[in-house]
Full PDB file with SEQRES, HELIX, SHEET, SSBOND, CRYST1, ORIGX, SCALE, CONECT and MASTER records, all heavy atoms in Angstrom:
SEQRES   1 A   41  ALA ASN ILE ARG ASP ASN LYS ASP ARG THR ARG PRO ALA          
SEQRES   2 A   41  LEU THR ILE GLY GLU ILE PHE PRO TYR ASP ILE ASP THR          
SEQRES   3 A   41  PRO PRO GLU LEU LEU SER GLU TYR CYS ALA LYS ALA ASP          
SEQRES   4 A   41  PHE VAL                                                      
HELIX    1 AA1 GLU A   29  LYS A   37  1                                   9    
CRYST1    1.000    1.000    1.000  90.00  90.00  90.00 P 1           1          
ORIGX1      1.000000  0.000000  0.000000        0.00000                         
ORIGX2      0.000000  1.000000  0.000000        0.00000                         
ORIGX3      0.000000  0.000000  1.000000        0.00000                         
SCALE1      1.000000  0.000000  0.000000        0.00000                         
SCALE2      0.000000  1.000000  0.000000        0.00000                         
SCALE3      0.000000  0.000000  1.000000        0.00000                         
ATOM      1  N   ALA A   1       0.517   1.426   9.165  1.00  0.00           N  
ATOM      2  CA  ALA A   1       0.379   0.315   8.360  1.00  0.00           C  
ATOM      3  C   ALA A   1       1.418  -0.741   8.671  1.00  0.00           C  
ATOM      4  O   ALA A   1       1.126  -1.956   8.821  1.00  0.00           O  
ATOM      5  CB  ALA A   1       0.335   0.636   6.899  1.00  0.00           C  
ATOM      6  N   ASN A   2       2.656  -0.363   8.939  1.00  0.00           N  
ATOM      7  CA  ASN A   2       3.670  -1.306   9.423  1.00  0.00           C  
ATOM      8  C   ASN A   2       3.378  -1.976  10.639  1.00  0.00           C  
ATOM      9  O   ASN A   2       3.765  -3.229  10.797  1.00  0.00           O  
ATOM     10  CB  ASN A   2       5.051  -0.687   9.379  1.00  0.00           C  
ATOM     11  CG  ASN A   2       5.649  -0.331   8.078  1.00  0.00           C  
ATOM     12  OD1 ASN A   2       5.341  -0.972   6.994  1.00  0.00           O  
ATOM     13  ND2 ASN A   2       6.533   0.693   7.974  1.00  0.00           N  
ATOM     14  N   ILE A   3       2.907  -1.278  11.640  1.00  0.00           N  
ATOM     15  CA  ILE A   3       2.531  -1.820  12.782  1.00  0.00           C  
ATOM     16  C   ILE A   3       1.338  -2.779  12.673  1.00  0.00           C  
ATOM     17  O   ILE A   3       1.293  -4.039  13.076  1.00  0.00           O  
ATOM     18  CB  ILE A   3       2.060  -0.650  13.912  1.00  0.00           C  
ATOM     19  CG1 ILE A   3       3.413   0.009  14.269  1.00  0.00           C  
ATOM     20  CG2 ILE A   3       1.592  -1.531  15.178  1.00  0.00           C  
ATOM     21  CD1 ILE A   3       3.175   1.245  15.182  1.00  0.00           C  
ATOM     22  N   ARG A   4       0.324  -2.349  11.899  1.00  0.00           N  
ATOM     23  CA  ARG A   4      -0.889  -3.215  11.718  1.00  0.00           C  
ATOM     24  C   ARG A   4      -0.472  -4.432  11.019  1.00  0.00           C  
ATOM     25  O   ARG A   4      -1.072  -5.518  11.385  1.00  0.00           O  
ATOM     26  CB  ARG A   4      -1.860  -2.396  10.877  1.00  0.00           C  
ATOM     27  CG  ARG A   4      -3.168  -3.069  10.397  1.00  0.00           C  
ATOM     28  CD  ARG A   4      -3.817  -2.399   9.223  1.00  0.00           C  
ATOM     29  NE  ARG A   4      -2.948  -2.416   8.095  1.00  0.00           N  
ATOM     30  CZ  ARG A   4      -3.097  -1.783   7.045  1.00  0.00           C  
ATOM     31  NH1 ARG A   4      -4.015  -0.865   6.934  1.00  0.00           N  
ATOM     32  NH2 ARG A   4      -2.334  -1.727   5.956  1.00  0.00           N  
ATOM     33  N   ASP A   5       0.445  -4.445   9.987  1.00  0.00           N  
ATOM     34  CA  ASP A   5       0.828  -5.560   9.258  1.00  0.00           C  
ATOM     35  C   ASP A   5       1.936  -6.497   9.938  1.00  0.00           C  
ATOM     36  O   ASP A   5       2.384  -7.405   9.162  1.00  0.00           O  
ATOM     37  CB  ASP A   5       1.160  -5.208   7.820  1.00  0.00           C  
ATOM     38  CG  ASP A   5      -0.055  -4.396   7.103  1.00  0.00           C  
ATOM     39  OD1 ASP A   5      -1.100  -4.677   7.495  1.00  0.00           O  
ATOM     40  OD2 ASP A   5       0.429  -3.555   6.173  1.00  0.00           O  
ATOM     41  N   ASN A   6       2.216  -6.102  11.115  1.00  0.00           N  
ATOM     42  CA  ASN A   6       3.188  -6.887  11.812  1.00  0.00           C  
ATOM     43  C   ASN A   6       4.614  -6.833  11.300  1.00  0.00           C  
ATOM     44  O   ASN A   6       5.466  -7.602  11.393  1.00  0.00           O  
ATOM     45  CB  ASN A   6       2.850  -8.300  11.973  1.00  0.00           C  
ATOM     46  CG  ASN A   6       3.479  -8.832  13.311  1.00  0.00           C  
ATOM     47  OD1 ASN A   6       3.643  -8.173  14.365  1.00  0.00           O  
ATOM     48  ND2 ASN A   6       3.713 -10.194  13.210  1.00  0.00           N  
ATOM     49  N   LYS A   7       4.896  -5.664  10.468  1.00  0.00           N  
ATOM     50  CA  LYS A   7       6.228  -5.533   9.883  1.00  0.00           C  
ATOM     51  C   LYS A   7       7.179  -4.714  10.921  1.00  0.00           C  
ATOM     52  O   LYS A   7       8.269  -4.747  10.896  1.00  0.00           O  
ATOM     53  CB  LYS A   7       6.050  -4.706   8.557  1.00  0.00           C  
ATOM     54  CG  LYS A   7       5.375  -5.371   7.494  1.00  0.00           C  
ATOM     55  CD  LYS A   7       5.201  -4.559   6.239  1.00  0.00           C  
ATOM     56  CE  LYS A   7       4.344  -5.205   5.156  1.00  0.00           C  
ATOM     57  NZ  LYS A   7       4.292  -4.314   3.954  1.00  0.00           N  
ATOM     58  N   ASP A   8       6.409  -3.843  11.657  1.00  0.00           N  
ATOM     59  CA  ASP A   8       7.139  -3.139  12.836  1.00  0.00           C  
ATOM     60  C   ASP A   8       6.592  -3.797  14.130  1.00  0.00           C  
ATOM     61  O   ASP A   8       5.502  -3.756  14.496  1.00  0.00           O  
ATOM     62  CB  ASP A   8       6.712  -1.688  12.755  1.00  0.00           C  
ATOM     63  CG  ASP A   8       7.414  -0.863  13.836  1.00  0.00           C  
ATOM     64  OD1 ASP A   8       8.098  -1.483  14.830  1.00  0.00           O  
ATOM     65  OD2 ASP A   8       7.240   0.301  13.818  1.00  0.00           O  
ATOM     66  N   ARG A   9       7.631  -4.405  14.802  1.00  0.00           N  
ATOM     67  CA  ARG A   9       7.331  -5.149  16.027  1.00  0.00           C  
ATOM     68  C   ARG A   9       7.992  -4.486  17.247  1.00  0.00           C  
ATOM     69  O   ARG A   9       8.128  -5.113  18.233  1.00  0.00           O  
ATOM     70  CB  ARG A   9       7.786  -6.604  15.980  1.00  0.00           C  
ATOM     71  CG  ARG A   9       7.166  -7.254  14.805  1.00  0.00           C  
ATOM     72  CD  ARG A   9       7.631  -8.784  14.652  1.00  0.00           C  
ATOM     73  NE  ARG A   9       7.110  -9.439  13.422  1.00  0.00           N  
ATOM     74  CZ  ARG A   9       7.463 -10.730  13.142  1.00  0.00           C  
ATOM     75  NH1 ARG A   9       8.264 -11.448  13.825  1.00  0.00           N  
ATOM     76  NH2 ARG A   9       6.991 -11.112  11.936  1.00  0.00           N  
ATOM     77  N   THR A  10       8.247  -3.202  17.045  1.00  0.00           N  
ATOM     78  CA  THR A  10       8.892  -2.492  18.188  1.00  0.00           C  
ATOM     79  C   THR A  10       7.897  -1.893  19.189  1.00  0.00           C  
ATOM     80  O   THR A  10       8.322  -1.424  20.281  1.00  0.00           O  
ATOM     81  CB  THR A  10       9.802  -1.259  17.602  1.00  0.00           C  
ATOM     82  OG1 THR A  10       8.818  -0.379  17.010  1.00  0.00           O  
ATOM     83  CG2 THR A  10      10.819  -1.830  16.672  1.00  0.00           C  
ATOM     84  N   ARG A  11       6.603  -1.983  18.980  1.00  0.00           N  
ATOM     85  CA  ARG A  11       5.655  -1.546  19.836  1.00  0.00           C  
ATOM     86  C   ARG A  11       4.672  -2.814  20.099  1.00  0.00           C  
ATOM     87  O   ARG A  11       3.415  -2.656  19.572  1.00  0.00           O  
ATOM     88  CB  ARG A  11       4.892  -0.351  19.259  1.00  0.00           C  
ATOM     89  CG  ARG A  11       5.801   0.788  19.252  1.00  0.00           C  
ATOM     90  CD  ARG A  11       5.128   2.065  18.608  1.00  0.00           C  
ATOM     91  NE  ARG A  11       6.058   3.305  18.494  1.00  0.00           N  
ATOM     92  CZ  ARG A  11       6.196   4.165  19.504  1.00  0.00           C  
ATOM     93  NH1 ARG A  11       5.428   4.227  20.642  1.00  0.00           N  
ATOM     94  NH2 ARG A  11       7.207   5.146  19.323  1.00  0.00           N  
ATOM     95  N   PRO A  12       4.953  -3.748  20.840  1.00  0.00           N  
ATOM     96  CA  PRO A  12       4.108  -4.863  20.986  1.00  0.00           C  
ATOM     97  C   PRO A  12       2.746  -4.631  21.723  1.00  0.00           C  
ATOM     98  O   PRO A  12       1.826  -5.474  21.511  1.00  0.00           O  
ATOM     99  CB  PRO A  12       5.032  -5.813  21.898  1.00  0.00           C  
ATOM    100  CG  PRO A  12       5.976  -4.973  22.609  1.00  0.00           C  
ATOM    101  CD  PRO A  12       6.312  -3.797  21.605  1.00  0.00           C  
ATOM    102  N   ALA A  13       2.722  -3.531  22.464  1.00  0.00           N  
ATOM    103  CA  ALA A  13       1.439  -3.281  23.176  1.00  0.00           C  
ATOM    104  C   ALA A  13       0.397  -2.579  22.264  1.00  0.00           C  
ATOM    105  O   ALA A  13      -0.718  -2.456  22.651  1.00  0.00           O  
ATOM    106  CB  ALA A  13       1.732  -2.418  24.323  1.00  0.00           C  
ATOM    107  N   LEU A  14       0.855  -2.194  21.088  1.00  0.00           N  
ATOM    108  CA  LEU A  14      -0.006  -1.436  20.105  1.00  0.00           C  
ATOM    109  C   LEU A  14      -0.604  -2.361  19.122  1.00  0.00           C  
ATOM    110  O   LEU A  14       0.154  -3.027  18.342  1.00  0.00           O  
ATOM    111  CB  LEU A  14       0.840  -0.308  19.555  1.00  0.00           C  
ATOM    112  CG  LEU A  14      -0.020   0.880  18.880  1.00  0.00           C  
ATOM    113  CD1 LEU A  14      -1.005   1.473  19.805  1.00  0.00           C  
ATOM    114  CD2 LEU A  14       1.025   1.882  18.309  1.00  0.00           C  
ATOM    115  N   THR A  15      -1.895  -2.467  18.952  1.00  0.00           N  
ATOM    116  CA  THR A  15      -2.623  -3.155  18.009  1.00  0.00           C  
ATOM    117  C   THR A  15      -3.410  -2.261  17.074  1.00  0.00           C  
ATOM    118  O   THR A  15      -4.322  -1.631  17.531  1.00  0.00           O  
ATOM    119  CB  THR A  15      -3.536  -4.353  18.520  1.00  0.00           C  
ATOM    120  OG1 THR A  15      -2.659  -5.064  19.442  1.00  0.00           O  
ATOM    121  CG2 THR A  15      -4.064  -5.142  17.473  1.00  0.00           C  
ATOM    122  N   ILE A  16      -3.194  -2.158  15.900  1.00  0.00           N  
ATOM    123  CA  ILE A  16      -3.834  -1.305  14.827  1.00  0.00           C  
ATOM    124  C   ILE A  16      -4.905  -2.157  14.101  1.00  0.00           C  
ATOM    125  O   ILE A  16      -4.701  -3.203  13.521  1.00  0.00           O  
ATOM    126  CB  ILE A  16      -2.918  -0.610  13.869  1.00  0.00           C  
ATOM    127  CG1 ILE A  16      -1.857   0.114  14.742  1.00  0.00           C  
ATOM    128  CG2 ILE A  16      -3.671   0.317  12.953  1.00  0.00           C  
ATOM    129  CD1 ILE A  16      -2.251   1.251  15.556  1.00  0.00           C  
ATOM    130  N   GLY A  17      -6.031  -1.601  14.264  1.00  0.00           N  
ATOM    131  CA  GLY A  17      -7.187  -2.166  13.417  1.00  0.00           C  
ATOM    132  C   GLY A  17      -7.160  -1.597  12.048  1.00  0.00           C  
ATOM    133  O   GLY A  17      -6.350  -1.778  11.169  1.00  0.00           O  
ATOM    134  N   GLU A  18      -8.311  -0.763  11.777  1.00  0.00           N  
ATOM    135  CA  GLU A  18      -8.406  -0.088  10.460  1.00  0.00           C  
ATOM    136  C   GLU A  18      -7.725   1.178  10.472  1.00  0.00           C  
ATOM    137  O   GLU A  18      -7.771   2.045  11.686  1.00  0.00           O  
ATOM    138  CB  GLU A  18      -9.808   0.104  10.144  1.00  0.00           C  
ATOM    139  CG  GLU A  18     -10.572  -1.229   9.771  1.00  0.00           C  
ATOM    140  CD  GLU A  18     -11.949  -0.979   9.316  1.00  0.00           C  
ATOM    141  OE1 GLU A  18     -12.102  -0.524   8.047  1.00  0.00           O  
ATOM    142  OE2 GLU A  18     -13.041  -1.121  10.066  1.00  0.00           O  
ATOM    143  N   ILE A  19      -7.208   1.646   9.469  1.00  0.00           N  
ATOM    144  CA  ILE A  19      -6.707   2.997   9.249  1.00  0.00           C  
ATOM    145  C   ILE A  19      -7.510   3.670   8.246  1.00  0.00           C  
ATOM    146  O   ILE A  19      -7.796   3.411   7.224  1.00  0.00           O  
ATOM    147  CB  ILE A  19      -5.245   2.894   8.740  1.00  0.00           C  
ATOM    148  CG1 ILE A  19      -4.349   2.261   9.783  1.00  0.00           C  
ATOM    149  CG2 ILE A  19      -4.635   4.353   8.543  1.00  0.00           C  
ATOM    150  CD1 ILE A  19      -2.949   1.883   9.039  1.00  0.00           C  
ATOM    151  N   PHE A  20      -8.083   4.888   8.778  1.00  0.00           N  
ATOM    152  CA  PHE A  20      -9.042   5.682   7.819  1.00  0.00           C  
ATOM    153  C   PHE A  20      -8.318   6.846   7.404  1.00  0.00           C  
ATOM    154  O   PHE A  20      -8.247   7.898   8.110  1.00  0.00           O  
ATOM    155  CB  PHE A  20     -10.264   5.958   8.692  1.00  0.00           C  
ATOM    156  CG  PHE A  20     -11.043   4.931   9.307  1.00  0.00           C  
ATOM    157  CD1 PHE A  20     -11.325   5.014  10.633  1.00  0.00           C  
ATOM    158  CD2 PHE A  20     -11.464   3.783   8.578  1.00  0.00           C  
ATOM    159  CE1 PHE A  20     -12.246   3.916  11.248  1.00  0.00           C  
ATOM    160  CE2 PHE A  20     -12.106   2.867   9.056  1.00  0.00           C  
ATOM    161  CZ  PHE A  20     -12.477   2.828  10.459  1.00  0.00           C  
ATOM    162  N   PRO A  21      -7.798   6.915   6.214  1.00  0.00           N  
ATOM    163  CA  PRO A  21      -7.100   8.157   5.601  1.00  0.00           C  
ATOM    164  C   PRO A  21      -8.156   9.033   5.037  1.00  0.00           C  
ATOM    165  O   PRO A  21      -8.959   8.652   4.242  1.00  0.00           O  
ATOM    166  CB  PRO A  21      -6.085   7.538   4.609  1.00  0.00           C  
ATOM    167  CG  PRO A  21      -6.823   6.220   4.042  1.00  0.00           C  
ATOM    168  CD  PRO A  21      -7.641   5.779   5.225  1.00  0.00           C  
ATOM    169  N   TYR A  22      -8.044  10.253   5.554  1.00  0.00           N  
ATOM    170  CA  TYR A  22      -8.967  11.326   4.992  1.00  0.00           C  
ATOM    171  C   TYR A  22      -8.273  12.646   4.529  1.00  0.00           C  
ATOM    172  O   TYR A  22      -7.413  13.041   5.189  1.00  0.00           O  
ATOM    173  CB  TYR A  22      -9.963  11.686   6.185  1.00  0.00           C  
ATOM    174  CG  TYR A  22     -11.098  12.528   5.672  1.00  0.00           C  
ATOM    175  CD1 TYR A  22     -12.306  11.967   5.215  1.00  0.00           C  
ATOM    176  CD2 TYR A  22     -11.139  13.863   5.598  1.00  0.00           C  
ATOM    177  CE1 TYR A  22     -13.440  12.670   4.831  1.00  0.00           C  
ATOM    178  CE2 TYR A  22     -12.246  14.660   5.173  1.00  0.00           C  
ATOM    179  CZ  TYR A  22     -13.341  14.066   4.766  1.00  0.00           C  
ATOM    180  OH  TYR A  22     -14.454  14.768   4.240  1.00  0.00           O  
ATOM    181  N   ASP A  23      -8.616  12.961   3.309  1.00  0.00           N  
ATOM    182  CA  ASP A  23      -8.004  14.049   2.695  1.00  0.00           C  
ATOM    183  C   ASP A  23      -9.007  14.966   1.905  1.00  0.00           C  
ATOM    184  O   ASP A  23     -10.119  14.585   1.820  1.00  0.00           O  
ATOM    185  CB  ASP A  23      -6.696  13.758   1.905  1.00  0.00           C  
ATOM    186  CG  ASP A  23      -5.595  14.719   1.923  1.00  0.00           C  
ATOM    187  OD1 ASP A  23      -5.733  15.765   1.350  1.00  0.00           O  
ATOM    188  OD2 ASP A  23      -4.590  14.500   2.685  1.00  0.00           O  
ATOM    189  N   ILE A  24      -8.453  16.063   1.350  1.00  0.00           N  
ATOM    190  CA  ILE A  24      -9.304  16.931   0.687  1.00  0.00           C  
ATOM    191  C   ILE A  24     -10.206  16.279  -0.433  1.00  0.00           C  
ATOM    192  O   ILE A  24     -11.346  16.803  -0.787  1.00  0.00           O  
ATOM    193  CB  ILE A  24      -8.505  18.178   0.130  1.00  0.00           C  
ATOM    194  CG1 ILE A  24      -9.410  19.271  -0.331  1.00  0.00           C  
ATOM    195  CG2 ILE A  24      -7.665  17.699  -1.077  1.00  0.00           C  
ATOM    196  CD1 ILE A  24      -8.751  20.600  -0.533  1.00  0.00           C  
ATOM    197  N   ASP A  25      -9.633  15.288  -1.150  1.00  0.00           N  
ATOM    198  CA  ASP A  25     -10.406  14.598  -2.128  1.00  0.00           C  
ATOM    199  C   ASP A  25     -11.201  13.341  -1.727  1.00  0.00           C  
ATOM    200  O   ASP A  25     -11.790  12.606  -2.457  1.00  0.00           O  
ATOM    201  CB  ASP A  25      -9.487  14.213  -3.251  1.00  0.00           C  
ATOM    202  CG  ASP A  25      -8.339  13.326  -2.814  1.00  0.00           C  
ATOM    203  OD1 ASP A  25      -8.197  13.026  -1.523  1.00  0.00           O  
ATOM    204  OD2 ASP A  25      -7.538  12.889  -3.628  1.00  0.00           O  
ATOM    205  N   THR A  26     -11.316  13.185  -0.323  1.00  0.00           N  
ATOM    206  CA  THR A  26     -11.980  11.996   0.101  1.00  0.00           C  
ATOM    207  C   THR A  26     -13.582  12.433   0.129  1.00  0.00           C  
ATOM    208  O   THR A  26     -13.926  13.446   0.469  1.00  0.00           O  
ATOM    209  CB  THR A  26     -11.682  11.600   1.602  1.00  0.00           C  
ATOM    210  OG1 THR A  26     -10.212  11.387   1.611  1.00  0.00           O  
ATOM    211  CG2 THR A  26     -12.313  10.483   2.113  1.00  0.00           C  
ATOM    212  N   PRO A  27     -14.395  11.478  -0.259  1.00  0.00           N  
ATOM    213  CA  PRO A  27     -15.868  11.870  -0.240  1.00  0.00           C  
ATOM    214  C   PRO A  27     -16.243  12.200   1.035  1.00  0.00           C  
ATOM    215  O   PRO A  27     -15.996  11.517   2.206  1.00  0.00           O  
ATOM    216  CB  PRO A  27     -16.580  10.477  -0.604  1.00  0.00           C  
ATOM    217  CG  PRO A  27     -15.492   9.765  -1.413  1.00  0.00           C  
ATOM    218  CD  PRO A  27     -14.093  10.153  -0.908  1.00  0.00           C  
ATOM    219  N   PRO A  28     -16.880  13.423   1.244  1.00  0.00           N  
ATOM    220  CA  PRO A  28     -17.190  13.953   2.623  1.00  0.00           C  
ATOM    221  C   PRO A  28     -18.072  13.089   3.438  1.00  0.00           C  
ATOM    222  O   PRO A  28     -17.842  13.033   4.628  1.00  0.00           O  
ATOM    223  CB  PRO A  28     -17.887  15.282   2.276  1.00  0.00           C  
ATOM    224  CG  PRO A  28     -17.471  15.662   0.851  1.00  0.00           C  
ATOM    225  CD  PRO A  28     -17.157  14.437   0.202  1.00  0.00           C  
ATOM    226  N   GLU A  29     -18.975  12.266   2.754  1.00  0.00           N  
ATOM    227  CA  GLU A  29     -19.699  11.493   3.592  1.00  0.00           C  
ATOM    228  C   GLU A  29     -18.970  10.268   4.478  1.00  0.00           C  
ATOM    229  O   GLU A  29     -19.559   9.739   5.395  1.00  0.00           O  
ATOM    230  CB  GLU A  29     -20.801  10.519   2.701  1.00  0.00           C  
ATOM    231  CG  GLU A  29     -20.177   9.795   1.648  1.00  0.00           C  
ATOM    232  CD  GLU A  29     -19.937  10.508   0.293  1.00  0.00           C  
ATOM    233  OE1 GLU A  29     -19.894  11.841   0.386  1.00  0.00           O  
ATOM    234  OE2 GLU A  29     -19.822   9.881  -0.745  1.00  0.00           O  
ATOM    235  N   LEU A  30     -17.780  10.002   4.003  1.00  0.00           N  
ATOM    236  CA  LEU A  30     -16.927   9.075   4.686  1.00  0.00           C  
ATOM    237  C   LEU A  30     -16.419   9.590   6.112  1.00  0.00           C  
ATOM    238  O   LEU A  30     -16.238   8.745   7.024  1.00  0.00           O  
ATOM    239  CB  LEU A  30     -15.660   8.609   3.873  1.00  0.00           C  
ATOM    240  CG  LEU A  30     -15.909   7.719   2.733  1.00  0.00           C  
ATOM    241  CD1 LEU A  30     -14.705   7.435   1.898  1.00  0.00           C  
ATOM    242  CD2 LEU A  30     -16.630   6.494   3.100  1.00  0.00           C  
ATOM    243  N   LEU A  31     -16.559  10.925   6.234  1.00  0.00           N  
ATOM    244  CA  LEU A  31     -16.029  11.437   7.477  1.00  0.00           C  
ATOM    245  C   LEU A  31     -16.891  11.088   8.617  1.00  0.00           C  
ATOM    246  O   LEU A  31     -16.452  10.675   9.710  1.00  0.00           O  
ATOM    247  CB  LEU A  31     -15.993  12.966   7.463  1.00  0.00           C  
ATOM    248  CG  LEU A  31     -15.547  13.649   8.691  1.00  0.00           C  
ATOM    249  CD1 LEU A  31     -13.977  13.297   8.880  1.00  0.00           C  
ATOM    250  CD2 LEU A  31     -15.578  15.163   8.569  1.00  0.00           C  
ATOM    251  N   SER A  32     -18.155  10.970   8.369  1.00  0.00           N  
ATOM    252  CA  SER A  32     -19.126  10.491   9.407  1.00  0.00           C  
ATOM    253  C   SER A  32     -18.935   9.081   9.782  1.00  0.00           C  
ATOM    254  O   SER A  32     -18.870   8.672  11.014  1.00  0.00           O  
ATOM    255  CB  SER A  32     -20.554  10.647   8.940  1.00  0.00           C  
ATOM    256  OG  SER A  32     -21.527  10.148   9.869  1.00  0.00           O  
ATOM    257  N   GLU A  33     -18.670   8.250   8.810  1.00  0.00           N  
ATOM    258  CA  GLU A  33     -18.563   6.853   9.135  1.00  0.00           C  
ATOM    259  C   GLU A  33     -17.143   6.591   9.816  1.00  0.00           C  
ATOM    260  O   GLU A  33     -17.222   5.921  10.848  1.00  0.00           O  
ATOM    261  CB  GLU A  33     -18.289   6.016   7.731  1.00  0.00           C  
ATOM    262  CG  GLU A  33     -17.914   4.602   7.784  1.00  0.00           C  
ATOM    263  CD  GLU A  33     -17.797   4.025   6.601  1.00  0.00           C  
ATOM    264  OE1 GLU A  33     -18.144   4.404   5.437  1.00  0.00           O  
ATOM    265  OE2 GLU A  33     -17.049   2.966   6.520  1.00  0.00           O  
ATOM    266  N   TYR A  34     -16.099   7.441   9.449  1.00  0.00           N  
ATOM    267  CA  TYR A  34     -14.782   7.335  10.154  1.00  0.00           C  
ATOM    268  C   TYR A  34     -14.922   7.781  11.579  1.00  0.00           C  
ATOM    269  O   TYR A  34     -14.340   7.183  12.443  1.00  0.00           O  
ATOM    270  CB  TYR A  34     -13.821   8.095   9.440  1.00  0.00           C  
ATOM    271  CG  TYR A  34     -13.409   7.535   7.984  1.00  0.00           C  
ATOM    272  CD1 TYR A  34     -12.699   8.279   7.135  1.00  0.00           C  
ATOM    273  CD2 TYR A  34     -13.836   6.228   7.672  1.00  0.00           C  
ATOM    274  CE1 TYR A  34     -12.387   7.734   5.746  1.00  0.00           C  
ATOM    275  CE2 TYR A  34     -13.502   5.671   6.381  1.00  0.00           C  
ATOM    276  CZ  TYR A  34     -12.821   6.462   5.444  1.00  0.00           C  
ATOM    277  OH  TYR A  34     -12.440   5.881   4.307  1.00  0.00           O  
ATOM    278  N   CYS A  35     -15.544   8.792  11.731  1.00  0.00           N  
ATOM    279  CA  CYS A  35     -15.736   9.453  13.119  1.00  0.00           C  
ATOM    280  C   CYS A  35     -16.509   8.590  14.032  1.00  0.00           C  
ATOM    281  O   CYS A  35     -16.307   8.551  15.309  1.00  0.00           O  
ATOM    282  CB  CYS A  35     -16.436  10.847  13.043  1.00  0.00           C  
ATOM    283  SG  CYS A  35     -15.316  12.084  12.567  1.00  0.00           S  
ATOM    284  N   ALA A  36     -17.468   7.834  13.437  1.00  0.00           N  
ATOM    285  CA  ALA A  36     -18.201   6.854  14.278  1.00  0.00           C  
ATOM    286  C   ALA A  36     -17.407   5.594  14.769  1.00  0.00           C  
ATOM    287  O   ALA A  36     -17.572   5.209  15.972  1.00  0.00           O  
ATOM    288  CB  ALA A  36     -19.363   6.329  13.591  1.00  0.00           C  
ATOM    289  N   LYS A  37     -16.420   5.311  14.067  1.00  0.00           N  
ATOM    290  CA  LYS A  37     -15.637   4.124  14.290  1.00  0.00           C  
ATOM    291  C   LYS A  37     -14.222   4.300  14.929  1.00  0.00           C  
ATOM    292  O   LYS A  37     -13.668   3.388  15.457  1.00  0.00           O  
ATOM    293  CB  LYS A  37     -15.369   3.246  12.917  1.00  0.00           C  
ATOM    294  CG  LYS A  37     -16.653   2.699  12.351  1.00  0.00           C  
ATOM    295  CD  LYS A  37     -16.314   2.056  10.937  1.00  0.00           C  
ATOM    296  CE  LYS A  37     -17.455   1.467  10.330  1.00  0.00           C  
ATOM    297  NZ  LYS A  37     -17.089   0.767   8.997  1.00  0.00           N  
ATOM    298  N   ALA A  38     -13.755   5.529  14.880  1.00  0.00           N  
ATOM    299  CA  ALA A  38     -12.419   5.862  15.194  1.00  0.00           C  
ATOM    300  C   ALA A  38     -12.256   5.807  16.777  1.00  0.00           C  
ATOM    301  O   ALA A  38     -13.109   5.982  17.611  1.00  0.00           O  
ATOM    302  CB  ALA A  38     -11.936   7.262  14.767  1.00  0.00           C  
ATOM    303  N   ASP A  39     -11.134   5.178  17.210  1.00  0.00           N  
ATOM    304  CA  ASP A  39     -10.573   5.032  18.584  1.00  0.00           C  
ATOM    305  C   ASP A  39      -9.631   6.133  18.901  1.00  0.00           C  
ATOM    306  O   ASP A  39      -9.278   6.294  20.132  1.00  0.00           O  
ATOM    307  CB  ASP A  39     -10.073   3.757  18.919  1.00  0.00           C  
ATOM    308  CG  ASP A  39     -11.099   2.559  18.690  1.00  0.00           C  
ATOM    309  OD1 ASP A  39     -12.122   2.548  19.444  1.00  0.00           O  
ATOM    310  OD2 ASP A  39     -10.767   1.710  17.772  1.00  0.00           O  
ATOM    311  N   PHE A  40      -9.048   6.766  17.760  1.00  0.00           N  
ATOM    312  CA  PHE A  40      -8.148   7.819  18.056  1.00  0.00           C  
ATOM    313  C   PHE A  40      -8.125   8.728  16.760  1.00  0.00           C  
ATOM    314  O   PHE A  40      -8.183   7.963  15.578  1.00  0.00           O  
ATOM    315  CB  PHE A  40      -6.645   7.234  18.226  1.00  0.00           C  
ATOM    316  CG  PHE A  40      -5.779   8.258  18.926  1.00  0.00           C  
ATOM    317  CD1 PHE A  40      -5.443   8.170  20.225  1.00  0.00           C  
ATOM    318  CD2 PHE A  40      -5.166   9.237  18.073  1.00  0.00           C  
ATOM    319  CE1 PHE A  40      -4.435   9.065  20.715  1.00  0.00           C  
ATOM    320  CE2 PHE A  40      -4.309  10.177  18.680  1.00  0.00           C  
ATOM    321  CZ  PHE A  40      -3.953  10.078  19.948  1.00  0.00           C  
ATOM    322  N   VAL A  41      -8.014   9.995  16.875  1.00  0.00           N  
ATOM    323  CA  VAL A  41      -8.040  10.770  15.721  1.00  0.00           C  
ATOM    324  C   VAL A  41      -6.712  11.628  15.681  1.00  0.00           C  
ATOM    325  O   VAL A  41      -6.391  12.324  16.647  1.00  0.00           O  
ATOM    326  CB  VAL A  41      -9.193  11.835  15.682  1.00  0.00           C  
ATOM    327  CG1 VAL A  41      -9.199  12.733  14.449  1.00  0.00           C  
ATOM    328  CG2 VAL A  41     -10.534  11.027  15.596  1.00  0.00           C  
TER     329      VAL A  41                                                      
MASTER        0    0    0    1    0    0    0    6  328    1    0    4          
END                                                                             
């Protein structure tokens, strides 16, 4: 989030779009949506 929000500028080559946090209490149907959009897991 710090990189995405430009608070951490120590990795200028890295651009973060969306961050998909998934945990045990996340609605299971979101996993499919996140897996479709993810560029790194």
